[in-house]
Amino acid sequence: MLVNVVMPQGGQDLEVGLVVEWLKKEGDPVHKGEPLVHVETEKISLDVESPADGILRKIVVPGGTETAILSVIGTIATAGEEID
């Protein structure tokens, strides 16, 4: 099952956030609750935790890139699962 990693809101009325650094690489195993990516908004700086166990299949938004709040920044899949 494919699980999306999303840019957290981190405060009211925010429209964009910055993906600072991925703590894992594509293909790395991840565990639910493990720090996965460091992000910042105007109001906070935090590590986003993995929402599921699996493999980090795709980094959609690379480090150093701003993106819309609540947009998909990465995907996690079970081992052997293919994604488009």
PDB file of N, CA and C in Angstrom:
ATOM      1  N   MET A   1       0.845  -1.182   0.000  1.00  0.00           N
ATOM      2  CA  MET A   1       0.000   0.000   0.000  1.00  0.00           C
ATOM      3  C   MET A   1       0.889   1.243   0.000  1.00  0.00           C
ATOM      4  N   LEU A   2       0.591   2.156  -0.862  1.00  0.00           N
ATOM      5  CA  LEU A   2       1.326   3.404  -0.983  1.00  0.00           C
ATOM      6  C   LEU A   2       0.832   4.410   0.050  1.00  0.00           C
ATOM      7  N   VAL A   3       1.768   5.039   0.770  1.00  0.00           N
ATOM      8  CA  VAL A   3       1.433   6.049   1.782  1.00  0.00           C
ATOM      9  C   VAL A   3       2.161   7.342   1.420  1.00  0.00           C
ATOM     10  N   ASN A   4       1.432   8.441   1.395  1.00  0.00           N
ATOM     11  CA  ASN A   4       2.032   9.735   1.078  1.00  0.00           C
ATOM     12  C   ASN A   4       2.614  10.395   2.328  1.00  0.00           C
ATOM     13  N   VAL A   5       3.734  11.065   2.143  1.00  0.00           N
ATOM     14  CA  VAL A   5       4.326  11.928   3.161  1.00  0.00           C
ATOM     15  C   VAL A   5       3.961  13.347   2.733  1.00  0.00           C
ATOM     16  N   VAL A   6       3.330  14.118   3.621  1.00  0.00           N
ATOM     17  CA  VAL A   6       2.868  15.458   3.246  1.00  0.00           C
ATOM     18  C   VAL A   6       3.577  16.549   4.036  1.00  0.00           C
ATOM     19  N   MET A   7       3.660  17.728   3.423  1.00  0.00           N
ATOM     20  CA  MET A   7       4.206  18.903   4.099  1.00  0.00           C
ATOM     21  C   MET A   7       3.219  19.316   5.175  1.00  0.00           C
ATOM     22  N   PRO A   8       3.645  19.322   6.459  1.00  0.00           N
ATOM     23  CA  PRO A   8       2.714  19.670   7.533  1.00  0.00           C
ATOM     24  C   PRO A   8       2.327  21.145   7.494  1.00  0.00           C
ATOM     25  N   GLN A   9       1.175  21.437   8.078  1.00  0.00           N
ATOM     26  CA  GLN A   9       0.669  22.810   8.072  1.00  0.00           C
ATOM     27  C   GLN A   9       1.504  23.716   8.969  1.00  0.00           C
ATOM     28  N   GLY A  10       1.771  23.319  10.179  1.00  0.00           N
ATOM     29  CA  GLY A  10       2.670  24.075  11.056  1.00  0.00           C
ATOM     30  C   GLY A  10       2.200  25.450  11.462  1.00  0.00           C
ATOM     31  N   GLY A  11       0.944  25.762  11.282  1.00  0.00           N
ATOM     32  CA  GLY A  11       0.410  27.056  11.695  1.00  0.00           C
ATOM     33  C   GLY A  11      -0.710  27.505  10.772  1.00  0.00           C
ATOM     34  N   GLN A  12      -1.580  28.348  11.295  1.00  0.00           N
ATOM     35  CA  GLN A  12      -2.702  28.873  10.511  1.00  0.00           C
ATOM     36  C   GLN A  12      -2.217  29.841   9.440  1.00  0.00           C
ATOM     37  N   ASP A  13      -2.927  29.894   8.340  1.00  0.00           N
ATOM     38  CA  ASP A  13      -2.711  30.876   7.277  1.00  0.00           C
ATOM     39  C   ASP A  13      -1.365  30.751   6.564  1.00  0.00           C
ATOM     40  N   LEU A  14      -0.682  29.624   6.715  1.00  0.00           N
ATOM     41  CA  LEU A  14       0.566  29.413   5.978  1.00  0.00           C
ATOM     42  C   LEU A  14       0.256  28.735   4.655  1.00  0.00           C
ATOM     43  N   GLU A  15       0.975  29.125   3.612  1.00  0.00           N
ATOM     44  CA  GLU A  15       0.727  28.558   2.293  1.00  0.00           C
ATOM     45  C   GLU A  15       1.877  27.699   1.788  1.00  0.00           C
ATOM     46  N   VAL A  16       3.117  27.981   2.242  1.00  0.00           N
ATOM     47  CA  VAL A  16       4.275  27.222   1.772  1.00  0.00           C
ATOM     48  C   VAL A  16       5.186  26.843   2.933  1.00  0.00           C
ATOM     49  N   GLY A  17       5.953  25.786   2.692  1.00  0.00           N
ATOM     50  CA  GLY A  17       6.972  25.358   3.637  1.00  0.00           C
ATOM     51  C   GLY A  17       8.208  24.952   2.856  1.00  0.00           C
ATOM     52  N   LEU A  18       9.311  24.796   3.550  1.00  0.00           N
ATOM     53  CA  LEU A  18      10.578  24.445   2.927  1.00  0.00           C
ATOM     54  C   LEU A  18      10.980  23.043   3.359  1.00  0.00           C
ATOM     55  N   VAL A  19      11.246  22.177   2.369  1.00  0.00           N
ATOM     56  CA  VAL A  19      11.849  20.881   2.655  1.00  0.00           C
ATOM     57  C   VAL A  19      13.338  21.165   2.800  1.00  0.00           C
ATOM     58  N   VAL A  20      13.850  21.082   4.015  1.00  0.00           N
ATOM     59  CA  VAL A  20      15.244  21.430   4.278  1.00  0.00           C
ATOM     60  C   VAL A  20      16.160  20.282   3.878  1.00  0.00           C
ATOM     61  N   GLU A  21      15.885  19.088   4.436  1.00  0.00           N
ATOM     62  CA  GLU A  21      16.787  17.952   4.199  1.00  0.00           C
ATOM     63  C   GLU A  21      16.064  16.643   4.453  1.00  0.00           C
ATOM     64  N   TRP A  22      16.221  15.711   3.522  1.00  0.00           N
ATOM     65  CA  TRP A  22      15.733  14.355   3.734  1.00  0.00           C
ATOM     66  C   TRP A  22      16.741  13.612   4.587  1.00  0.00           C
ATOM     67  N   LEU A  23      16.275  12.915   5.603  1.00  0.00           N
ATOM     68  CA  LEU A  23      17.134  12.158   6.498  1.00  0.00           C
ATOM     69  C   LEU A  23      17.323  10.716   6.005  1.00  0.00           C
ATOM     70  N   LYS A  24      16.542  10.331   5.012  1.00  0.00           N
ATOM     71  CA  LYS A  24      16.630   9.022   4.360  1.00  0.00           C
ATOM     72  C   LYS A  24      16.751   9.234   2.855  1.00  0.00           C
ATOM     73  N   LYS A  25      17.276   8.215   2.155  1.00  0.00           N
ATOM     74  CA  LYS A  25      17.384   8.259   0.698  1.00  0.00           C
ATOM     75  C   LYS A  25      16.325   7.344   0.088  1.00  0.00           C
ATOM     76  N   GLU A  26      16.006   7.579  -1.187  1.00  0.00           N
ATOM     77  CA  GLU A  26      15.097   6.684  -1.888  1.00  0.00           C
ATOM     78  C   GLU A  26      15.644   5.266  -1.806  1.00  0.00           C
ATOM     79  N   GLY A  27      14.772   4.332  -1.479  1.00  0.00           N
ATOM     80  CA  GLY A  27      15.162   2.936  -1.351  1.00  0.00           C
ATOM     81  C   GLY A  27      15.493   2.514   0.068  1.00  0.00           C
ATOM     82  N   ASP A  28      15.640   3.484   0.984  1.00  0.00           N
ATOM     83  CA  ASP A  28      15.937   3.159   2.382  1.00  0.00           C
ATOM     84  C   ASP A  28      14.687   2.624   3.089  1.00  0.00           C
ATOM     85  N   PRO A  29      14.873   1.641   3.980  1.00  0.00           N
ATOM     86  CA  PRO A  29      13.741   1.213   4.806  1.00  0.00           C
ATOM     87  C   PRO A  29      13.412   2.295   5.833  1.00  0.00           C
ATOM     88  N   VAL A  30      12.130   2.446   6.133  1.00  0.00           N
ATOM     89  CA  VAL A  30      11.683   3.415   7.140  1.00  0.00           C
ATOM     90  C   VAL A  30      10.696   2.730   8.077  1.00  0.00           C
ATOM     91  N   HIS A  31      10.608   3.243   9.289  1.00  0.00           N
ATOM     92  CA  HIS A  31       9.697   2.702  10.295  1.00  0.00           C
ATOM     93  C   HIS A  31       8.780   3.801  10.789  1.00  0.00           C
ATOM     94  N   LYS A  32       7.539   3.450  11.021  1.00  0.00           N
ATOM     95  CA  LYS A  32       6.544   4.412  11.492  1.00  0.00           C
ATOM     96  C   LYS A  32       7.071   5.136  12.730  1.00  0.00           C
ATOM     97  N   GLY A  33       7.000   6.472  12.715  1.00  0.00           N
ATOM     98  CA  GLY A  33       7.437   7.297  13.832  1.00  0.00           C
ATOM     99  C   GLY A  33       8.892   7.722  13.772  1.00  0.00           C
ATOM    100  N   GLU A  34       9.642   7.171  12.840  1.00  0.00           N
ATOM    101  CA  GLU A  34      11.060   7.514  12.676  1.00  0.00           C
ATOM    102  C   GLU A  34      11.196   8.849  11.934  1.00  0.00           C
ATOM    103  N   PRO A  35      12.110   9.747  12.366  1.00  0.00           N
ATOM    104  CA  PRO A  35      12.312  10.997  11.626  1.00  0.00           C
ATOM    105  C   PRO A  35      12.695  10.706  10.173  1.00  0.00           C
ATOM    106  N   LEU A  36      12.008  11.392   9.242  1.00  0.00           N
ATOM    107  CA  LEU A  36      12.165  11.111   7.820  1.00  0.00           C
ATOM    108  C   LEU A  36      12.701  12.306   7.035  1.00  0.00           C
ATOM    109  N   VAL A  37      12.208  13.497   7.363  1.00  0.00           N
ATOM    110  CA  VAL A  37      12.579  14.694   6.613  1.00  0.00           C
ATOM    111  C   VAL A  37      12.468  15.915   7.526  1.00  0.00           C
ATOM    112  N   HIS A  38      13.414  16.853   7.382  1.00  0.00           N
ATOM    113  CA  HIS A  38      13.380  18.085   8.168  1.00  0.00           C
ATOM    114  C   HIS A  38      12.741  19.179   7.312  1.00  0.00           C
ATOM    115  N   VAL A  39      11.741  19.860   7.879  1.00  0.00           N
ATOM    116  CA  VAL A  39      11.029  20.919   7.168  1.00  0.00           C
ATOM    117  C   VAL A  39      10.954  22.174   8.025  1.00  0.00           C
ATOM    118  N   GLU A  40      10.710  23.310   7.364  1.00  0.00           N
ATOM    119  CA  GLU A  40      10.531  24.589   8.059  1.00  0.00           C
ATOM    120  C   GLU A  40       9.383  25.354   7.422  1.00  0.00           C
ATOM    121  N   THR A  41       8.687  26.114   8.265  1.00  0.00           N
ATOM    122  CA  THR A  41       7.718  27.106   7.794  1.00  0.00           C
ATOM    123  C   THR A  41       8.094  28.419   8.461  1.00  0.00           C
ATOM    124  N   GLU A  42       7.293  29.445   8.235  1.00  0.00           N
ATOM    125  CA  GLU A  42       7.557  30.733   8.889  1.00  0.00           C
ATOM    126  C   GLU A  42       7.543  30.608  10.405  1.00  0.00           C
ATOM    127  N   LYS A  43       6.794  29.628  10.916  1.00  0.00           N
ATOM    128  CA  LYS A  43       6.570  29.542  12.356  1.00  0.00           C
ATOM    129  C   LYS A  43       7.297  28.395  13.046  1.00  0.00           C
ATOM    130  N   ILE A  44       7.642  27.319  12.328  1.00  0.00           N
ATOM    131  CA  ILE A  44       8.241  26.163  12.998  1.00  0.00           C
ATOM    132  C   ILE A  44       9.342  25.520  12.158  1.00  0.00           C
ATOM    133  N   SER A  45      10.141  24.739  12.839  1.00  0.00           N
ATOM    134  CA  SER A  45      11.154  23.896  12.213  1.00  0.00           C
ATOM    135  C   SER A  45      11.005  22.531  12.880  1.00  0.00           C
ATOM    136  N   LEU A  46      10.799  21.477  12.084  1.00  0.00           N
ATOM    137  CA  LEU A  46      10.556  20.182  12.701  1.00  0.00           C
ATOM    138  C   LEU A  46      10.951  19.034  11.786  1.00  0.00           C
ATOM    139  N   ASP A  47      11.111  17.861  12.412  1.00  0.00           N
ATOM    140  CA  ASP A  47      11.311  16.628  11.662  1.00  0.00           C
ATOM    141  C   ASP A  47       9.957  15.973  11.468  1.00  0.00           C
ATOM    142  N   VAL A  48       9.626  15.656  10.225  1.00  0.00           N
ATOM    143  CA  VAL A  48       8.402  14.934   9.919  1.00  0.00           C
ATOM    144  C   VAL A  48       8.701  13.452  10.088  1.00  0.00           C
ATOM    145  N   GLU A  49       7.855  12.761  10.840  1.00  0.00           N
ATOM    146  CA  GLU A  49       8.039  11.343  11.084  1.00  0.00           C
ATOM    147  C   GLU A  49       7.389  10.521   9.978  1.00  0.00           C
ATOM    148  N   SER A  50       7.926   9.337   9.768  1.00  0.00           N
ATOM    149  CA  SER A  50       7.360   8.423   8.788  1.00  0.00           C
ATOM    150  C   SER A  50       5.957   8.018   9.231  1.00  0.00           C
ATOM    151  N   PRO A  51       4.962   8.114   8.335  1.00  0.00           N
ATOM    152  CA  PRO A  51       3.603   7.734   8.707  1.00  0.00           C
ATOM    153  C   PRO A  51       3.362   6.224   8.658  1.00  0.00           C
ATOM    154  N   ALA A  52       4.352   5.453   8.162  1.00  0.00           N
ATOM    155  CA  ALA A  52       4.156   4.002   8.016  1.00  0.00           C
ATOM    156  C   ALA A  52       5.497   3.291   7.904  1.00  0.00           C
ATOM    157  N   ASP A  53       5.472   1.987   8.129  1.00  0.00           N
ATOM    158  CA  ASP A  53       6.632   1.147   7.856  1.00  0.00           C
ATOM    159  C   ASP A  53       6.692   0.877   6.361  1.00  0.00           C
ATOM    160  N   GLY A  54       7.891   0.757   5.818  1.00  0.00           N
ATOM    161  CA  GLY A  54       8.035   0.427   4.407  1.00  0.00           C
ATOM    162  C   GLY A  54       9.359   0.887   3.861  1.00  0.00           C
ATOM    163  N   ILE A  55       9.352   1.237   2.582  1.00  0.00           N
ATOM    164  CA  ILE A  55      10.525   1.705   1.857  1.00  0.00           C
ATOM    165  C   ILE A  55      10.230   3.101   1.329  1.00  0.00           C
ATOM    166  N   LEU A  56      11.165   4.030   1.517  1.00  0.00           N
ATOM    167  CA  LEU A  56      11.006   5.359   0.914  1.00  0.00           C
ATOM    168  C   LEU A  56      11.185   5.184  -0.589  1.00  0.00           C
ATOM    169  N   ARG A  57      10.093   5.154  -1.310  1.00  0.00           N
ATOM    170  CA  ARG A  57      10.131   4.868  -2.742  1.00  0.00           C
ATOM    171  C   ARG A  57      10.445   6.089  -3.596  1.00  0.00           C
ATOM    172  N   LYS A  58       9.912   7.243  -3.201  1.00  0.00           N
ATOM    173  CA  LYS A  58      10.070   8.421  -4.060  1.00  0.00           C
ATOM    174  C   LYS A  58      10.151   9.678  -3.213  1.00  0.00           C
ATOM    175  N   ILE A  59      11.182  10.481  -3.457  1.00  0.00           N
ATOM    176  CA  ILE A  59      11.261  11.828  -2.906  1.00  0.00           C
ATOM    177  C   ILE A  59      10.690  12.744  -3.975  1.00  0.00           C
ATOM    178  N   VAL A  60       9.514  13.272  -3.725  1.00  0.00           N
ATOM    179  CA  VAL A  60       8.820  14.114  -4.706  1.00  0.00           C
ATOM    180  C   VAL A  60       9.372  15.535  -4.686  1.00  0.00           C
ATOM    181  N   VAL A  61       9.654  16.045  -3.481  1.00  0.00           N
ATOM    182  CA  VAL A  61      10.178  17.402  -3.324  1.00  0.00           C
ATOM    183  C   VAL A  61      11.562  17.294  -2.687  1.00  0.00           C
ATOM    184  N   PRO A  62      12.614  17.614  -3.428  1.00  0.00           N
ATOM    185  CA  PRO A  62      13.972  17.481  -2.885  1.00  0.00           C
ATOM    186  C   PRO A  62      14.290  18.546  -1.836  1.00  0.00           C
ATOM    187  N   GLY A  63      15.341  18.289  -1.051  1.00  0.00           N
ATOM    188  CA  GLY A  63      15.802  19.247  -0.062  1.00  0.00           C
ATOM    189  C   GLY A  63      16.138  20.579  -0.703  1.00  0.00           C
ATOM    190  N   GLY A  64      15.857  21.658   0.041  1.00  0.00           N
ATOM    191  CA  GLY A  64      16.129  22.996  -0.453  1.00  0.00           C
ATOM    192  C   GLY A  64      15.010  23.580  -1.302  1.00  0.00           C
ATOM    193  N   THR A  65      13.865  22.904  -1.330  1.00  0.00           N
ATOM    194  CA  THR A  65      12.754  23.317  -2.191  1.00  0.00           C
ATOM    195  C   THR A  65      11.539  23.716  -1.370  1.00  0.00           C
ATOM    196  N   GLU A  66      10.923  24.849  -1.731  1.00  0.00           N
ATOM    197  CA  GLU A  66       9.655  25.252  -1.123  1.00  0.00           C
ATOM    198  C   GLU A  66       8.521  24.543  -1.841  1.00  0.00           C
ATOM    199  N   THR A  67       7.476  24.233  -1.087  1.00  0.00           N
ATOM    200  CA  THR A  67       6.302  23.580  -1.663  1.00  0.00           C
ATOM    201  C   THR A  67       5.061  23.975  -0.869  1.00  0.00           C
ATOM    202  N   ALA A  68       3.916  23.737  -1.444  1.00  0.00           N
ATOM    203  CA  ALA A  68       2.651  24.095  -0.797  1.00  0.00           C
ATOM    204  C   ALA A  68       2.409  23.232   0.440  1.00  0.00           C
ATOM    205  N   ILE A  69       1.832  23.860   1.458  1.00  0.00           N
ATOM    206  CA  ILE A  69       1.428  23.155   2.671  1.00  0.00           C
ATOM    207  C   ILE A  69       0.442  22.056   2.276  1.00  0.00           C
ATOM    208  N   LEU A  70       0.565  20.895   2.901  1.00  0.00           N
ATOM    209  CA  LEU A  70      -0.269  19.717   2.695  1.00  0.00           C
ATOM    210  C   LEU A  70      -0.066  19.045   1.332  1.00  0.00           C
ATOM    211  N   SER A  71       0.967  19.444   0.589  1.00  0.00           N
ATOM    212  CA  SER A  71       1.264  18.756  -0.667  1.00  0.00           C
ATOM    213  C   SER A  71       2.094  17.513  -0.384  1.00  0.00           C
ATOM    214  N   VAL A  72       2.077  16.569  -1.306  1.00  0.00           N
ATOM    215  CA  VAL A  72       2.840  15.332  -1.182  1.00  0.00           C
ATOM    216  C   VAL A  72       4.312  15.650  -1.435  1.00  0.00           C
ATOM    217  N   ILE A  73       5.171  15.267  -0.478  1.00  0.00           N
ATOM    218  CA  ILE A  73       6.609  15.517  -0.630  1.00  0.00           C
ATOM    219  C   ILE A  73       7.388  14.216  -0.809  1.00  0.00           C
ATOM    220  N   GLY A  74       6.743  13.089  -0.534  1.00  0.00           N
ATOM    221  CA  GLY A  74       7.391  11.794  -0.701  1.00  0.00           C
ATOM    222  C   GLY A  74       6.370  10.669  -0.623  1.00  0.00           C
ATOM    223  N   THR A  75       6.815   9.456  -0.989  1.00  0.00           N
ATOM    224  CA  THR A  75       5.927   8.307  -0.917  1.00  0.00           C
ATOM    225  C   THR A  75       6.653   7.118  -0.286  1.00  0.00           C
ATOM    226  N   ILE A  76       5.900   6.357   0.473  1.00  0.00           N
ATOM    227  CA  ILE A  76       6.393   5.146   1.130  1.00  0.00           C
ATOM    228  C   ILE A  76       5.553   3.989   0.604  1.00  0.00           C
ATOM    229  N   ALA A  77       6.236   2.892   0.276  1.00  0.00           N
ATOM    230  CA  ALA A  77       5.532   1.702  -0.197  1.00  0.00           C
ATOM    231  C   ALA A  77       6.067   0.491   0.542  1.00  0.00           C
ATOM    232  N   THR A  78       5.300  -0.583   0.495  1.00  0.00           N
ATOM    233  CA  THR A  78       5.779  -1.830   1.075  1.00  0.00           C
ATOM    234  C   THR A  78       6.875  -2.391   0.175  1.00  0.00           C
ATOM    235  N   ALA A  79       7.706  -3.236   0.734  1.00  0.00           N
ATOM    236  CA  ALA A  79       8.795  -3.841  -0.034  1.00  0.00           C
ATOM    237  C   ALA A  79       8.242  -4.562  -1.252  1.00  0.00           C
ATOM    238  N   GLY A  80       8.844  -4.313  -2.412  1.00  0.00           N
ATOM    239  CA  GLY A  80       8.421  -4.955  -3.652  1.00  0.00           C
ATOM    240  C   GLY A  80       7.285  -4.283  -4.380  1.00  0.00           C
ATOM    241  N   GLU A  81       6.645  -3.311  -3.762  1.00  0.00           N
ATOM    242  CA  GLU A  81       5.533  -2.603  -4.408  1.00  0.00           C
ATOM    243  C   GLU A  81       6.082  -1.576  -5.395  1.00  0.00           C
ATOM    244  N   GLU A  82       5.553  -1.567  -6.583  1.00  0.00           N
ATOM    245  CA  GLU A  82       5.962  -0.609  -7.610  1.00  0.00           C
ATOM    246  C   GLU A  82       5.038   0.602  -7.582  1.00  0.00           C
ATOM    247  N   ILE A  83       5.618   1.771  -7.921  1.00  0.00           N
ATOM    248  CA  ILE A  83       4.816   2.989  -8.032  1.00  0.00           C
ATOM    249  C   ILE A  83       5.065   3.635  -9.382  1.00  0.00           C
ATOM    250  N   ASP A  84       4.134   4.438  -9.823  1.00  0.00           N
ATOM    251  CA  ASP A  84       4.298   5.171 -11.086  1.00  0.00           C
ATOM    252  C   ASP A  84       5.069   6.445 -10.841  1.00  0.00           C
TER     253      ASP A  84
END
